[in-house]
């Protein structure tokens, strides 16, 4: 297990940036979207990435927002953070990602994504079976409840003073879903046997609802490595065939040598 996964409270590090941008969106009727992607390789390793995009209106109204976001703690905890970039549409975008080596590490990282209020609850990735015939399972829920509490832990909310932002949201008549979007993408090895997500170009996708409703992220895939299975079955046969071929060639060579020897003895010497 990577010790850096637990060294820092990365949950508050990541959501601090999300809350900062989200509150700007709430105050200005702009929008910020976060896309969380869990990409798993057949050997169990992979990457968890969060791409957050603040629209051009936020960038225009808060030109110093990019320089005010700090990801030093996330970097110290092993997360890679891209430079804050500007899209062709003028939006601001940043990517935070962490590699993992097995499903246990992936589950630990998923647990850092949100607080008790959501949006990600009880996410766990498991793999059963052999390397050449594995069953993958993801369980958990996607739920946003209690406004900004869904994006931060209680200590962080106290630090930023969430109450004024909650009041602003209530007075504006806006729904938090109009200002904030959360999408979860999942890429698991093998063929999908069951899922509650929507398949788009080989990726399973869920979009968070902001009405307090719950979405199950339950997904099962079956990954059978056909080539590896065939190789495992036929490798003993091929090994014995190689042995027989070597023995046969040795026998043939011995026969030829013996035949030449006898022919030489039968040839009269002048």
Protein backbone atom coordinates (compact mmCIF):
# COMPACT_ATOMS: atom_id res chain seq x y z
CA UNK A 1 0.00 0.00 0.00
CA UNK A 2 1.34 3.42 -0.89
CA UNK A 3 1.96 5.20 2.46
CA UNK A 4 1.36 8.57 0.87
CA UNK A 5 -2.28 7.68 0.34
CA UNK A 6 -2.95 8.17 4.04
CA UNK A 7 -0.28 10.71 4.93
CA UNK A 8 -2.39 13.80 4.28
CA UNK A 9 -6.07 14.60 4.45
CA UNK A 10 -6.27 14.79 0.68
CA UNK A 11 -10.05 14.90 0.85
CA UNK A 12 -9.97 18.43 2.25
CA UNK A 13 -7.16 19.39 -0.12
CA UNK A 14 -9.14 18.48 -3.23
CA UNK A 15 -12.52 19.74 -2.11
CA UNK A 16 -11.03 23.01 -0.88
CA UNK A 17 -10.40 23.92 -4.50
CA UNK A 18 -13.79 22.60 -5.59
CA UNK A 19 -15.61 24.56 -2.90
CA UNK A 20 -13.71 27.74 -3.72
CA UNK A 21 -14.68 27.53 -7.37
CA UNK A 22 -18.20 26.31 -6.61
CA UNK A 23 -18.94 29.18 -4.27
CA UNK A 24 -17.79 31.62 -6.94
CA UNK A 25 -20.19 29.92 -9.32
CA UNK A 26 -23.06 30.22 -6.84
CA UNK A 27 -22.39 33.89 -6.26
CA UNK A 28 -22.20 34.76 -9.95
CA UNK A 29 -24.70 32.33 -11.51
CA UNK A 30 -21.83 30.73 -13.42
CA UNK A 31 -20.95 27.06 -13.59
CA UNK A 32 -18.21 24.64 -12.55
CA UNK A 33 -18.07 20.97 -13.57
CA UNK A 34 -15.99 18.15 -12.15
CA UNK A 35 -15.41 14.85 -13.93
CA UNK A 36 -14.06 11.99 -11.81
CA UNK A 37 -12.62 9.06 -13.78
CA UNK A 38 -11.58 5.68 -12.40
CA UNK A 39 -9.54 3.86 -15.05
CA UNK A 40 -8.51 0.30 -14.14
CA UNK A 41 -6.06 -1.92 -16.03
CA UNK A 42 -6.38 -5.74 -16.22
CA UNK A 43 -3.56 -6.20 -13.69
CA UNK A 44 -5.43 -4.14 -11.08
CA UNK A 45 -3.44 -0.94 -11.34
CA UNK A 46 -4.80 2.29 -12.78
CA UNK A 47 -5.50 5.96 -12.24
CA UNK A 48 -8.07 8.05 -10.38
CA UNK A 49 -8.37 11.51 -11.92
CA UNK A 50 -10.48 14.61 -11.22
CA UNK A 51 -10.81 17.24 -13.93
CA UNK A 52 -12.48 20.46 -12.78
CA UNK A 53 -13.58 23.12 -15.24
CA UNK A 54 -14.80 26.60 -14.34
CA UNK A 55 -16.60 28.36 -17.17
CA UNK A 56 -15.41 31.52 -18.89
CA UNK A 57 -17.72 33.77 -16.84
CA UNK A 58 -16.02 32.74 -13.61
CA UNK A 59 -12.60 33.33 -15.17
CA UNK A 60 -13.69 36.80 -16.30
CA UNK A 61 -15.12 37.78 -12.91
CA UNK A 62 -12.31 36.21 -10.86
CA UNK A 63 -9.14 36.63 -12.95
CA UNK A 64 -6.87 35.74 -10.00
CA UNK A 65 -8.70 32.52 -9.13
CA UNK A 66 -6.08 30.25 -10.71
CA UNK A 67 -3.23 31.74 -8.69
CA UNK A 68 -5.24 31.51 -5.47
CA UNK A 69 -5.77 27.75 -5.74
CA UNK A 70 -3.18 25.73 -3.85
CA UNK A 71 -2.51 22.02 -4.37
CA UNK A 72 0.74 21.72 -2.39
CA UNK A 73 -0.72 19.27 0.11
CA UNK A 74 -2.16 17.14 -2.67
CA UNK A 75 1.23 16.99 -4.37
CA UNK A 76 2.87 16.05 -1.09
CA UNK A 77 0.36 13.21 -0.73
CA UNK A 78 1.33 11.74 -4.09
CA UNK A 79 -1.25 13.38 -6.34
CA UNK A 80 -0.10 14.84 -9.64
CA UNK A 81 -1.56 18.24 -10.44
CA UNK A 82 -1.58 19.75 -13.90
CA UNK A 83 -0.97 23.40 -14.55
CA UNK A 84 -4.17 25.42 -14.54
CA UNK A 85 -5.01 25.69 -18.23
CA UNK A 86 -7.38 27.79 -20.29
CA UNK A 87 -9.64 26.02 -22.77
CA UNK A 88 -10.38 27.41 -26.26
CA UNK A 89 -13.74 28.60 -24.85
CA UNK A 90 -11.98 30.63 -22.15
CA UNK A 91 -12.77 28.28 -19.26
CA UNK A 92 -10.27 27.38 -16.54
CA UNK A 93 -9.35 23.71 -16.12
CA UNK A 94 -7.14 21.69 -13.78
CA UNK A 95 -6.51 17.93 -13.48
CA UNK A 96 -5.62 16.14 -10.23
CA UNK A 97 -4.69 12.45 -10.50
CA UNK A 98 -3.25 9.59 -8.48
CA UNK A 99 -1.95 6.21 -9.67
CA UNK A 100 -2.77 3.04 -7.75
CA UNK A 101 -1.30 -0.46 -7.96
CA UNK A 102 -4.23 -2.61 -6.81
CA UNK A 103 -7.97 -2.45 -6.04
CA UNK A 104 -7.28 -1.82 -2.34
CA UNK A 105 -5.37 1.36 -3.10
CA UNK A 106 -8.09 2.42 -5.53
CA UNK A 107 -10.70 2.01 -2.79
CA UNK A 108 -8.60 4.07 -0.39
CA UNK A 109 -8.31 6.88 -2.93
CA UNK A 110 -12.03 6.79 -3.72
CA UNK A 111 -12.71 7.24 -0.02
CA UNK A 112 -10.91 10.58 -0.14
CA UNK A 113 -13.23 12.12 -2.71
CA UNK A 114 -15.99 13.40 -0.44
CA UNK A 115 -17.37 13.75 3.06
CA UNK A 116 -20.29 12.03 4.74
CA UNK A 117 -22.67 14.27 2.79
CA UNK A 118 -21.47 13.01 -0.59
CA UNK A 119 -21.29 13.05 -3.49
CA UNK A 120 -19.43 9.70 -3.37
CA UNK A 121 -20.40 7.26 -0.64
CA UNK A 122 -19.04 3.82 0.16
CA UNK A 123 -17.15 3.34 -3.09
CA UNK A 124 -15.17 0.09 -3.15
CA UNK A 125 -13.42 -1.76 -5.97
CA UNK A 126 -12.77 -5.50 -5.75
CA UNK A 127 -11.42 -8.23 -8.02
CA UNK A 128 -11.95 -11.97 -7.63
CA UNK A 129 -10.74 -14.96 -9.64
CA UNK A 130 -7.50 -15.62 -11.47
CA UNK A 131 -5.40 -13.22 -13.50
CA UNK A 132 -6.68 -14.83 -16.70
CA UNK A 133 -10.32 -14.93 -15.57
CA UNK A 134 -11.24 -12.07 -13.24
CA UNK A 135 -14.54 -10.66 -12.01
CA UNK A 136 -14.52 -6.96 -11.19
CA UNK A 137 -17.04 -5.25 -8.92
CA UNK A 138 -17.59 -1.62 -8.03
CA UNK A 139 -20.11 -0.74 -5.35
CA UNK A 140 -21.11 2.61 -3.89
CA UNK A 141 -23.52 5.47 -4.25
CA UNK A 142 -23.63 8.88 -5.86
CA UNK A 143 -25.65 11.35 -3.80
CA UNK A 144 -25.48 15.09 -3.21
CA UNK A 145 -27.27 16.27 -0.12
CA UNK A 146 -27.14 19.28 2.21
CA UNK A 147 -25.78 21.79 -0.30
CA UNK A 148 -22.11 22.66 0.01
CA UNK A 149 -21.69 20.02 2.70
CA UNK A 150 -21.49 17.52 -0.14
CA UNK A 151 -18.18 19.02 -1.23
CA UNK A 152 -16.31 19.45 2.03
CA UNK A 153 -15.78 18.09 5.50
CA UNK A 154 -17.18 20.00 8.51
CA UNK A 155 -13.81 21.55 9.47
CA UNK A 156 -13.35 22.91 5.98
CA UNK A 157 -16.87 24.36 5.93
CA UNK A 158 -16.16 26.12 9.22
CA UNK A 159 -12.94 27.50 7.79
CA UNK A 160 -14.51 28.96 4.65
CA UNK A 161 -17.70 29.98 6.41
CA UNK A 162 -20.25 28.06 4.38
CA UNK A 163 -23.32 29.60 6.02
CA UNK A 164 -23.20 32.88 4.05
CA UNK A 165 -22.88 30.93 0.82
CA UNK A 166 -25.83 28.73 1.75
CA UNK A 167 -27.87 31.85 2.47
CA UNK A 168 -26.83 33.40 -0.82
CA UNK A 169 -27.89 30.28 -2.66
CA UNK A 170 -31.25 30.23 -0.88
CA UNK A 171 -31.89 33.92 -1.54
CA UNK A 172 -30.94 33.63 -5.20
CA UNK A 173 -33.51 30.92 -5.81
CA UNK A 174 -30.89 28.90 -7.66
CA UNK A 175 -30.46 25.16 -7.31
CA UNK A 176 -26.89 24.05 -6.65
CA UNK A 177 -27.22 21.78 -9.67
CA UNK A 178 -27.46 24.89 -11.86
CA UNK A 179 -24.02 25.99 -10.75
CA UNK A 180 -22.21 22.71 -10.13
CA UNK A 181 -21.97 19.47 -12.12
CA UNK A 182 -20.41 16.17 -11.04
CA UNK A 183 -19.83 13.25 -13.43
CA UNK A 184 -18.33 9.87 -12.58
CA UNK A 185 -16.68 7.83 -15.32
CA UNK A 186 -15.66 4.20 -14.89
CA UNK A 187 -13.41 2.04 -17.06
CA UNK A 188 -13.11 -1.57 -15.89
CA UNK A 189 -11.41 -4.48 -17.70
CA UNK A 190 -13.57 -7.00 -19.52
CA UNK A 191 -17.18 -7.28 -20.60
CA UNK A 192 -19.90 -5.53 -18.63
CA UNK A 193 -22.28 -8.06 -17.09
CA UNK A 194 -24.36 -5.65 -15.02
CA UNK A 195 -24.29 -1.91 -14.37
CA UNK A 196 -26.48 1.01 -13.40
CA UNK A 197 -24.45 3.38 -15.55
CA UNK A 198 -24.78 4.51 -19.13
CA UNK A 199 -22.19 3.21 -21.59
CA UNK A 200 -20.53 5.85 -23.76
CA UNK A 201 -17.66 4.83 -26.05
CA UNK A 202 -16.49 2.07 -23.72
CA UNK A 203 -16.86 4.17 -20.57
CA UNK A 204 -19.62 3.85 -17.97
CA UNK A 205 -21.00 7.18 -16.82
CA UNK A 206 -23.16 8.61 -14.06
CA UNK A 207 -24.21 12.24 -13.58
CA UNK A 208 -24.95 13.39 -10.04
CA UNK A 209 -28.46 14.61 -9.25
CA UNK A 210 -28.76 17.50 -6.81
CA UNK A 211 -32.22 16.73 -5.45
CA UNK A 212 -30.94 14.44 -2.71
CA UNK A 213 -31.75 11.26 -4.63
CA UNK A 214 -29.34 8.33 -4.59
CA UNK A 215 -27.79 6.54 -7.55
CA UNK A 216 -26.18 3.13 -7.17
CA UNK A 217 -22.83 2.82 -8.93
CA UNK A 218 -23.05 -0.98 -8.89
CA UNK A 219 -21.09 -2.52 -11.77
CA UNK A 220 -19.77 -6.00 -12.54
CA UNK A 221 -17.47 -6.95 -15.41
CA UNK A 222 -15.90 -10.24 -16.45
CA UNK A 223 -12.41 -10.13 -17.89
CA UNK A 224 -11.18 -13.31 -19.58
CA UNK A 225 -7.74 -13.12 -21.13
CA UNK A 226 -8.32 -15.48 -24.06
CA UNK A 227 -4.76 -15.49 -25.32
CA UNK A 228 -3.34 -16.11 -21.84
CA UNK A 229 -5.88 -18.88 -21.20
CA UNK A 230 -5.05 -20.61 -24.47
CA UNK A 231 -1.35 -20.30 -23.75
CA UNK A 232 -1.83 -21.73 -20.26
CA UNK A 233 -3.76 -24.73 -21.64
CA UNK A 234 -1.49 -25.51 -24.56
CA UNK A 235 1.88 -24.66 -23.04
CA UNK A 236 2.34 -28.18 -21.54
CA UNK A 237 1.40 -29.74 -24.89
CA UNK A 238 3.77 -27.47 -26.75
CA UNK A 239 6.51 -28.27 -24.27
CA UNK A 240 6.09 -32.02 -24.81
CA UNK A 241 5.93 -31.51 -28.58
CA UNK A 242 9.22 -29.62 -28.38
CA UNK A 243 10.77 -32.41 -26.33
CA UNK A 244 9.57 -35.06 -28.82
CA UNK A 245 10.87 -32.98 -31.71
CA UNK A 246 14.29 -32.69 -30.07
CA UNK A 247 14.36 -36.44 -29.30
CA UNK A 248 13.22 -37.23 -32.84
CA UNK A 249 15.87 -34.99 -34.39
CA UNK A 250 18.52 -36.53 -32.15
CA UNK A 251 17.38 -40.02 -33.17
CA UNK A 252 17.35 -39.09 -36.84
CA UNK A 253 20.83 -37.59 -36.59
CA UNK A 254 22.07 -40.73 -34.86
CA UNK A 255 20.51 -42.91 -37.58
CA UNK A 256 22.13 -40.88 -40.36
CA UNK A 257 25.50 -41.05 -38.63
CA UNK A 258 25.16 -44.80 -38.12
CA UNK A 259 24.10 -45.35 -41.77
CA UNK A 260 27.09 -43.37 -43.03
CA UNK A 261 29.40 -45.33 -40.76
CA UNK A 262 28.14 -48.68 -42.04
CA UNK A 263 28.33 -47.52 -45.67
CA UNK A 264 31.89 -46.43 -45.13
CA UNK A 265 32.81 -49.86 -43.75
CA UNK A 266 31.19 -51.66 -46.69
CA UNK A 267 33.06 -49.63 -49.29
CA UNK A 268 36.15 -51.67 -50.42
CA UNK A 269 39.49 -50.02 -50.12
CA UNK A 270 41.68 -50.05 -53.27
